[in-house]
């Protein structure tokens, strides 16, 4: 399915446009790809969210991102555990 969202407010932030190709199978949501566009920056990501395990596995490429906002929004465990909800590698390019 093709998804398009315009002028979204999420976690106190506004996003101009989101477009995604979404596929759901066996409680796994796949995005192939999803693009987020805003005058402040842009992101393209591919990957999956497992609804049973409550895990995300995404590869993200972005320009003009404010990473501190990302970690403030998604940086705290929602279940009270000590598990870190975001982990992986960040590569910066000039």
C-alpha atoms as a PDB file:
ATOM      1  CA  UNK A   1       0.000   0.000   0.000  1.00  0.00           C
ATOM      2  CA  UNK A   2       1.158   3.548  -0.704  1.00  0.00           C
ATOM      3  CA  UNK A   3       0.851   6.006   2.205  1.00  0.00           C
ATOM      4  CA  UNK A   4       1.094   9.815   2.010  1.00  0.00           C
ATOM      5  CA  UNK A   5       0.712  12.139   5.002  1.00  0.00           C
ATOM      6  CA  UNK A   6       0.915  15.939   4.811  1.00  0.00           C
ATOM      7  CA  UNK A   7       1.429  18.419   7.674  1.00  0.00           C
ATOM      8  CA  UNK A   8       1.769  15.935  10.530  1.00  0.00           C
ATOM      9  CA  UNK A   9       2.317  16.935  14.171  1.00  0.00           C
ATOM     10  CA  UNK A  10       4.145  14.225  16.169  1.00  0.00           C
ATOM     11  CA  UNK A  11       5.690  14.468  19.642  1.00  0.00           C
ATOM     12  CA  UNK A  12       5.562  18.249  19.521  1.00  0.00           C
ATOM     13  CA  UNK A  13       7.298  18.404  16.126  1.00  0.00           C
ATOM     14  CA  UNK A  14       5.780  19.132  12.739  1.00  0.00           C
ATOM     15  CA  UNK A  15       6.587  17.210   9.569  1.00  0.00           C
ATOM     16  CA  UNK A  16       5.731  18.589   6.142  1.00  0.00           C
ATOM     17  CA  UNK A  17       5.351  15.322   4.183  1.00  0.00           C
ATOM     18  CA  UNK A  18       5.733  11.579   4.650  1.00  0.00           C
ATOM     19  CA  UNK A  19       5.511   9.081   1.821  1.00  0.00           C
ATOM     20  CA  UNK A  20       5.917   5.339   2.250  1.00  0.00           C
ATOM     21  CA  UNK A  21       5.309   2.017   0.607  1.00  0.00           C
ATOM     22  CA  UNK A  22       3.997  -0.148   3.445  1.00  0.00           C
ATOM     23  CA  UNK A  23       3.582  -3.923   3.561  1.00  0.00           C
ATOM     24  CA  UNK A  24       2.150  -5.917   6.503  1.00  0.00           C
ATOM     25  CA  UNK A  25       2.776  -9.663   6.853  1.00  0.00           C
ATOM     26  CA  UNK A  26       2.901 -11.838   9.990  1.00  0.00           C
ATOM     27  CA  UNK A  27       2.720  -8.763  12.275  1.00  0.00           C
ATOM     28  CA  UNK A  28       5.793  -7.222  10.619  1.00  0.00           C
ATOM     29  CA  UNK A  29       5.380  -3.800   9.000  1.00  0.00           C
ATOM     30  CA  UNK A  30       7.885  -3.241   6.194  1.00  0.00           C
ATOM     31  CA  UNK A  31       8.707   0.182   4.749  1.00  0.00           C
ATOM     32  CA  UNK A  32      10.268   0.048   1.283  1.00  0.00           C
ATOM     33  CA  UNK A  33      11.119   3.006   1.343  1.00  0.00           C
ATOM     34  CA  UNK A  34       9.743   5.785   3.522  1.00  0.00           C
ATOM     35  CA  UNK A  35      10.717   9.398   2.871  1.00  0.00           C
ATOM     36  CA  UNK A  36      10.185  12.275   5.273  1.00  0.00           C
ATOM     37  CA  UNK A  37      10.535  15.760   3.840  1.00  0.00           C
ATOM     38  CA  UNK A  38      10.574  19.062   5.636  1.00  0.00           C
ATOM     39  CA  UNK A  39      12.238  22.414   4.948  1.00  0.00           C
ATOM     40  CA  UNK A  40      14.512  21.674   7.944  1.00  0.00           C
ATOM     41  CA  UNK A  41      15.810  18.375   6.551  1.00  0.00           C
ATOM     42  CA  UNK A  42      14.967  15.050   4.934  1.00  0.00           C
ATOM     43  CA  UNK A  43      15.138  11.342   5.739  1.00  0.00           C
ATOM     44  CA  UNK A  44      14.826   8.169   3.666  1.00  0.00           C
ATOM     45  CA  UNK A  45      14.564   4.872   5.504  1.00  0.00           C
ATOM     46  CA  UNK A  46      13.963   1.217   4.739  1.00  0.00           C
ATOM     47  CA  UNK A  47      13.310  -1.557   7.171  1.00  0.00           C
ATOM     48  CA  UNK A  48      10.767  -3.256   9.364  1.00  0.00           C
ATOM     49  CA  UNK A  49       8.904  -2.985  12.648  1.00  0.00           C
ATOM     50  CA  UNK A  50       8.025  -6.278  14.352  1.00  0.00           C
ATOM     51  CA  UNK A  51       4.768  -5.701  16.211  1.00  0.00           C
ATOM     52  CA  UNK A  52       5.082  -8.906  18.253  1.00  0.00           C
ATOM     53  CA  UNK A  53       8.647  -8.286  19.482  1.00  0.00           C
ATOM     54  CA  UNK A  54       8.202  -4.482  19.530  1.00  0.00           C
ATOM     55  CA  UNK A  55      11.502  -4.066  17.689  1.00  0.00           C
ATOM     56  CA  UNK A  56      12.593  -1.800  14.843  1.00  0.00           C
ATOM     57  CA  UNK A  57      15.233  -2.567  12.221  1.00  0.00           C
ATOM     58  CA  UNK A  58      15.752   0.430   9.920  1.00  0.00           C
ATOM     59  CA  UNK A  59      18.505   1.794   7.739  1.00  0.00           C
ATOM     60  CA  UNK A  60      18.224   5.586   7.661  1.00  0.00           C
ATOM     61  CA  UNK A  61      19.842   8.183   5.410  1.00  0.00           C
ATOM     62  CA  UNK A  62      19.217  11.813   6.263  1.00  0.00           C
ATOM     63  CA  UNK A  63      20.351  15.369   5.658  1.00  0.00           C
ATOM     64  CA  UNK A  64      20.225  18.273   8.124  1.00  0.00           C
ATOM     65  CA  UNK A  65      19.034  16.100  11.019  1.00  0.00           C
ATOM     66  CA  UNK A  66      19.034  17.332  14.590  1.00  0.00           C
ATOM     67  CA  UNK A  67      19.965  14.059  16.301  1.00  0.00           C
ATOM     68  CA  UNK A  68      19.343  15.461  19.785  1.00  0.00           C
ATOM     69  CA  UNK A  69      15.635  15.846  18.922  1.00  0.00           C
ATOM     70  CA  UNK A  70      15.511  12.257  17.686  1.00  0.00           C
ATOM     71  CA  UNK A  71      17.033  10.912  20.898  1.00  0.00           C
ATOM     72  CA  UNK A  72      14.786  13.089  23.071  1.00  0.00           C
ATOM     73  CA  UNK A  73      11.728  11.720  21.274  1.00  0.00           C
ATOM     74  CA  UNK A  74      12.766   8.048  21.100  1.00  0.00           C
ATOM     75  CA  UNK A  75      15.558   7.847  23.670  1.00  0.00           C
ATOM     76  CA  UNK A  76      13.693   6.586  26.742  1.00  0.00           C
ATOM     77  CA  UNK A  77      12.436   3.035  27.271  1.00  0.00           C
ATOM     78  CA  UNK A  78       8.639   3.011  27.232  1.00  0.00           C
ATOM     79  CA  UNK A  79       8.278  -0.134  29.342  1.00  0.00           C
ATOM     80  CA  UNK A  80      10.369   1.019  32.331  1.00  0.00           C
ATOM     81  CA  UNK A  81      13.162  -1.433  31.540  1.00  0.00           C
ATOM     82  CA  UNK A  82      16.854  -0.626  31.446  1.00  0.00           C
ATOM     83  CA  UNK A  83      17.040  -1.640  27.778  1.00  0.00           C
ATOM     84  CA  UNK A  84      18.144   1.105  25.452  1.00  0.00           C
ATOM     85  CA  UNK A  85      15.507   1.561  22.749  1.00  0.00           C
ATOM     86  CA  UNK A  86      17.934   2.902  20.124  1.00  0.00           C
ATOM     87  CA  UNK A  87      21.170   1.187  19.229  1.00  0.00           C
ATOM     88  CA  UNK A  88      23.273   0.846  16.140  1.00  0.00           C
ATOM     89  CA  UNK A  89      25.796   2.845  14.155  1.00  0.00           C
ATOM     90  CA  UNK A  90      25.783   6.437  13.007  1.00  0.00           C
ATOM     91  CA  UNK A  91      27.951   7.486  10.083  1.00  0.00           C
ATOM     92  CA  UNK A  92      28.489  11.193   9.421  1.00  0.00           C
ATOM     93  CA  UNK A  93      29.435  12.529   6.023  1.00  0.00           C
ATOM     94  CA  UNK A  94      30.604  15.969   5.021  1.00  0.00           C
END
